[in-house]
Amino acid sequence: MINDALDILVIGFAAWRLAYALVNEDVFSWLRKLLGVVEHDNGAFVQRTSDTLFGKMLTCVYCTSFWTTGAMIALYETLPELVAWFAIAGVAVYLSRYHE
């Protein structure tokens, strides 16, 4: 059960981390391709498009985080340690952006 602001923060960072990984990281490129996501690299950034419903859900972190938040809320009830692991990883990735 979500009891306080710290729970919300943990779930939020965990959801962001998973969403960011699904949309941007190479480890999930196979899943994006399987779901019909096409990547267009113009040198400055990678634009992702898709003609499929599930592919469209993996084209932006904002869209994907809606669904990963639901997953993290459900997981938080049964496996809070796993959600905390994603949250800590999310904080680490977020902070590394400001270090570079």
C-alpha atoms as a PDB file:
ATOM      1  CA  MET A   1       0.000   0.000   0.000  1.00  0.00           C
ATOM      2  CA  ILE A   2       1.210   3.481  -0.820  1.00  0.00           C
ATOM      3  CA  ASN A   3       1.454   5.289   2.512  1.00  0.00           C
ATOM      4  CA  ASP A   4       3.447   8.465   2.049  1.00  0.00           C
ATOM      5  CA  ALA A   5       5.421  10.715  -0.245  1.00  0.00           C
ATOM      6  CA  LEU A   6       8.500   8.484  -0.014  1.00  0.00           C
ATOM      7  CA  ASP A   7       6.516   5.565  -1.469  1.00  0.00           C
ATOM      8  CA  ILE A   8       5.406   7.784  -4.331  1.00  0.00           C
ATOM      9  CA  LEU A   9       8.983   8.927  -4.935  1.00  0.00           C
ATOM     10  CA  VAL A  10      10.299   5.350  -4.957  1.00  0.00           C
ATOM     11  CA  ILE A  11       7.572   4.166  -7.329  1.00  0.00           C
ATOM     12  CA  GLY A  12       8.088   7.227  -9.536  1.00  0.00           C
ATOM     13  CA  PHE A  13      11.834   6.731  -9.910  1.00  0.00           C
ATOM     14  CA  ALA A  14      11.359   2.998 -10.506  1.00  0.00           C
ATOM     15  CA  ALA A  15       8.725   3.635 -13.175  1.00  0.00           C
ATOM     16  CA  TRP A  16      10.909   6.242 -14.868  1.00  0.00           C
ATOM     17  CA  ARG A  17      13.924   3.915 -14.853  1.00  0.00           C
ATOM     18  CA  LEU A  18      12.026   1.063 -16.461  1.00  0.00           C
ATOM     19  CA  ALA A  19      10.348   3.382 -18.990  1.00  0.00           C
ATOM     20  CA  TYR A  20      13.664   4.985 -19.919  1.00  0.00           C
ATOM     21  CA  ALA A  21      15.277   1.570 -20.378  1.00  0.00           C
ATOM     22  CA  LEU A  22      12.423   0.252 -22.522  1.00  0.00           C
ATOM     23  CA  VAL A  23      12.440   3.299 -24.804  1.00  0.00           C
ATOM     24  CA  ASN A  24      16.146   4.141 -25.047  1.00  0.00           C
ATOM     25  CA  GLU A  25      18.518   1.372 -24.069  1.00  0.00           C
ATOM     26  CA  ASP A  26      20.041  -1.143 -26.465  1.00  0.00           C
ATOM     27  CA  VAL A  27      19.177  -4.083 -24.223  1.00  0.00           C
ATOM     28  CA  PHE A  28      15.508  -3.608 -25.216  1.00  0.00           C
ATOM     29  CA  SER A  29      16.063  -2.846 -28.918  1.00  0.00           C
ATOM     30  CA  TRP A  30      14.886  -6.366 -29.769  1.00  0.00           C
ATOM     31  CA  LEU A  31      11.554  -5.698 -28.030  1.00  0.00           C
ATOM     32  CA  ARG A  32      11.073  -2.367 -29.770  1.00  0.00           C
ATOM     33  CA  LYS A  33      11.785  -3.993 -33.160  1.00  0.00           C
ATOM     34  CA  LEU A  34       9.444  -6.881 -32.363  1.00  0.00           C
ATOM     35  CA  LEU A  35       6.652  -4.399 -31.606  1.00  0.00           C
ATOM     36  CA  GLY A  36       7.242  -2.426 -34.795  1.00  0.00           C
ATOM     37  CA  VAL A  37       9.259   0.550 -33.567  1.00  0.00           C
ATOM     38  CA  VAL A  38      11.419   2.123 -36.276  1.00  0.00           C
ATOM     39  CA  GLU A  39      14.371   4.251 -35.194  1.00  0.00           C
ATOM     40  CA  HIS A  40      15.491   7.248 -37.272  1.00  0.00           C
ATOM     41  CA  ASP A  41      18.905   8.570 -36.234  1.00  0.00           C
ATOM     42  CA  ASN A  42      19.513  12.064 -37.605  1.00  0.00           C
ATOM     43  CA  GLY A  43      22.823  12.526 -35.806  1.00  0.00           C
ATOM     44  CA  ALA A  44      21.507  14.822 -33.076  1.00  0.00           C
ATOM     45  CA  PHE A  45      18.940  12.430 -31.636  1.00  0.00           C
ATOM     46  CA  VAL A  46      17.025   9.241 -32.374  1.00  0.00           C
ATOM     47  CA  GLN A  47      13.375   9.624 -33.324  1.00  0.00           C
ATOM     48  CA  ARG A  48      11.182   6.561 -32.821  1.00  0.00           C
ATOM     49  CA  THR A  49       7.971   5.897 -34.730  1.00  0.00           C
ATOM     50  CA  SER A  50       5.587   2.989 -35.029  1.00  0.00           C
ATOM     51  CA  ASP A  51       2.374   2.060 -36.782  1.00  0.00           C
ATOM     52  CA  THR A  52       1.373  -0.509 -34.146  1.00  0.00           C
ATOM     53  CA  LEU A  53      -0.435   0.170 -30.867  1.00  0.00           C
ATOM     54  CA  PHE A  54       2.161  -1.532 -28.676  1.00  0.00           C
ATOM     55  CA  GLY A  55       5.001  -0.060 -30.684  1.00  0.00           C
ATOM     56  CA  LYS A  56       3.622   3.443 -30.148  1.00  0.00           C
ATOM     57  CA  MET A  57       3.631   2.748 -26.419  1.00  0.00           C
ATOM     58  CA  LEU A  58       7.431   2.353 -26.629  1.00  0.00           C
ATOM     59  CA  THR A  59       8.278   5.485 -28.606  1.00  0.00           C
ATOM     60  CA  CYS A  60       8.533   7.983 -25.751  1.00  0.00           C
ATOM     61  CA  VAL A  61       9.359   7.836 -22.066  1.00  0.00           C
ATOM     62  CA  TYR A  62       6.288   9.894 -21.146  1.00  0.00           C
ATOM     63  CA  CYS A  63       3.924   7.412 -22.798  1.00  0.00           C
ATOM     64  CA  THR A  64       5.735   4.339 -21.530  1.00  0.00           C
ATOM     65  CA  SER A  65       5.989   5.664 -17.968  1.00  0.00           C
ATOM     66  CA  PHE A  66       2.194   5.682 -17.692  1.00  0.00           C
ATOM     67  CA  TRP A  67       2.208   1.907 -18.074  1.00  0.00           C
ATOM     68  CA  THR A  68       5.384   1.249 -16.091  1.00  0.00           C
ATOM     69  CA  THR A  69       3.938   3.246 -13.196  1.00  0.00           C
ATOM     70  CA  GLY A  70       0.978   0.872 -13.079  1.00  0.00           C
ATOM     71  CA  ALA A  71       3.347  -2.087 -13.112  1.00  0.00           C
ATOM     72  CA  MET A  72       5.473  -0.612 -10.329  1.00  0.00           C
ATOM     73  CA  ILE A  73       2.433   0.112  -8.155  1.00  0.00           C
ATOM     74  CA  ALA A  74       1.346  -3.517  -8.520  1.00  0.00           C
ATOM     75  CA  LEU A  75       4.873  -4.792  -7.823  1.00  0.00           C
ATOM     76  CA  TYR A  76       5.271  -2.486  -4.824  1.00  0.00           C
ATOM     77  CA  GLU A  77       2.535  -4.387  -3.014  1.00  0.00           C
ATOM     78  CA  THR A  78       4.265  -7.761  -3.423  1.00  0.00           C
ATOM     79  CA  LEU A  79       7.952  -7.083  -4.165  1.00  0.00           C
ATOM     80  CA  PRO A  80       8.901  -3.691  -2.709  1.00  0.00           C
ATOM     81  CA  GLU A  81      12.596  -4.607  -2.779  1.00  0.00           C
ATOM     82  CA  LEU A  82      12.488  -5.045  -6.563  1.00  0.00           C
ATOM     83  CA  VAL A  83      10.809  -1.664  -6.972  1.00  0.00           C
ATOM     84  CA  ALA A  84      13.420  -0.102  -4.681  1.00  0.00           C
ATOM     85  CA  TRP A  85      16.154  -1.623  -6.864  1.00  0.00           C
ATOM     86  CA  PHE A  86      14.676   0.012  -9.976  1.00  0.00           C
ATOM     87  CA  ALA A  87      14.287   3.282  -8.063  1.00  0.00           C
ATOM     88  CA  ILE A  88      17.908   3.326  -6.910  1.00  0.00           C
ATOM     89  CA  ALA A  89      19.042   2.552 -10.457  1.00  0.00           C
ATOM     90  CA  GLY A  90      16.814   5.369 -11.683  1.00  0.00           C
ATOM     91  CA  VAL A  91      18.373   7.837  -9.281  1.00  0.00           C
ATOM     92  CA  ALA A  92      21.854   6.701 -10.341  1.00  0.00           C
ATOM     93  CA  VAL A  93      21.092   7.178 -14.041  1.00  0.00           C
ATOM     94  CA  TYR A  94      19.419  10.519 -13.406  1.00  0.00           C
ATOM     95  CA  LEU A  95      22.368  11.800 -11.366  1.00  0.00           C
ATOM     96  CA  SER A  96      24.914  10.539 -13.917  1.00  0.00           C
ATOM     97  CA  ARG A  97      23.377  12.861 -16.506  1.00  0.00           C
ATOM     98  CA  TYR A  98      24.349  15.855 -14.406  1.00  0.00           C
ATOM     99  CA  HIS A  99      27.846  14.559 -13.798  1.00  0.00           C
ATOM    100  CA  GLU A 100      28.730  14.325 -17.512  1.00  0.00           C
END
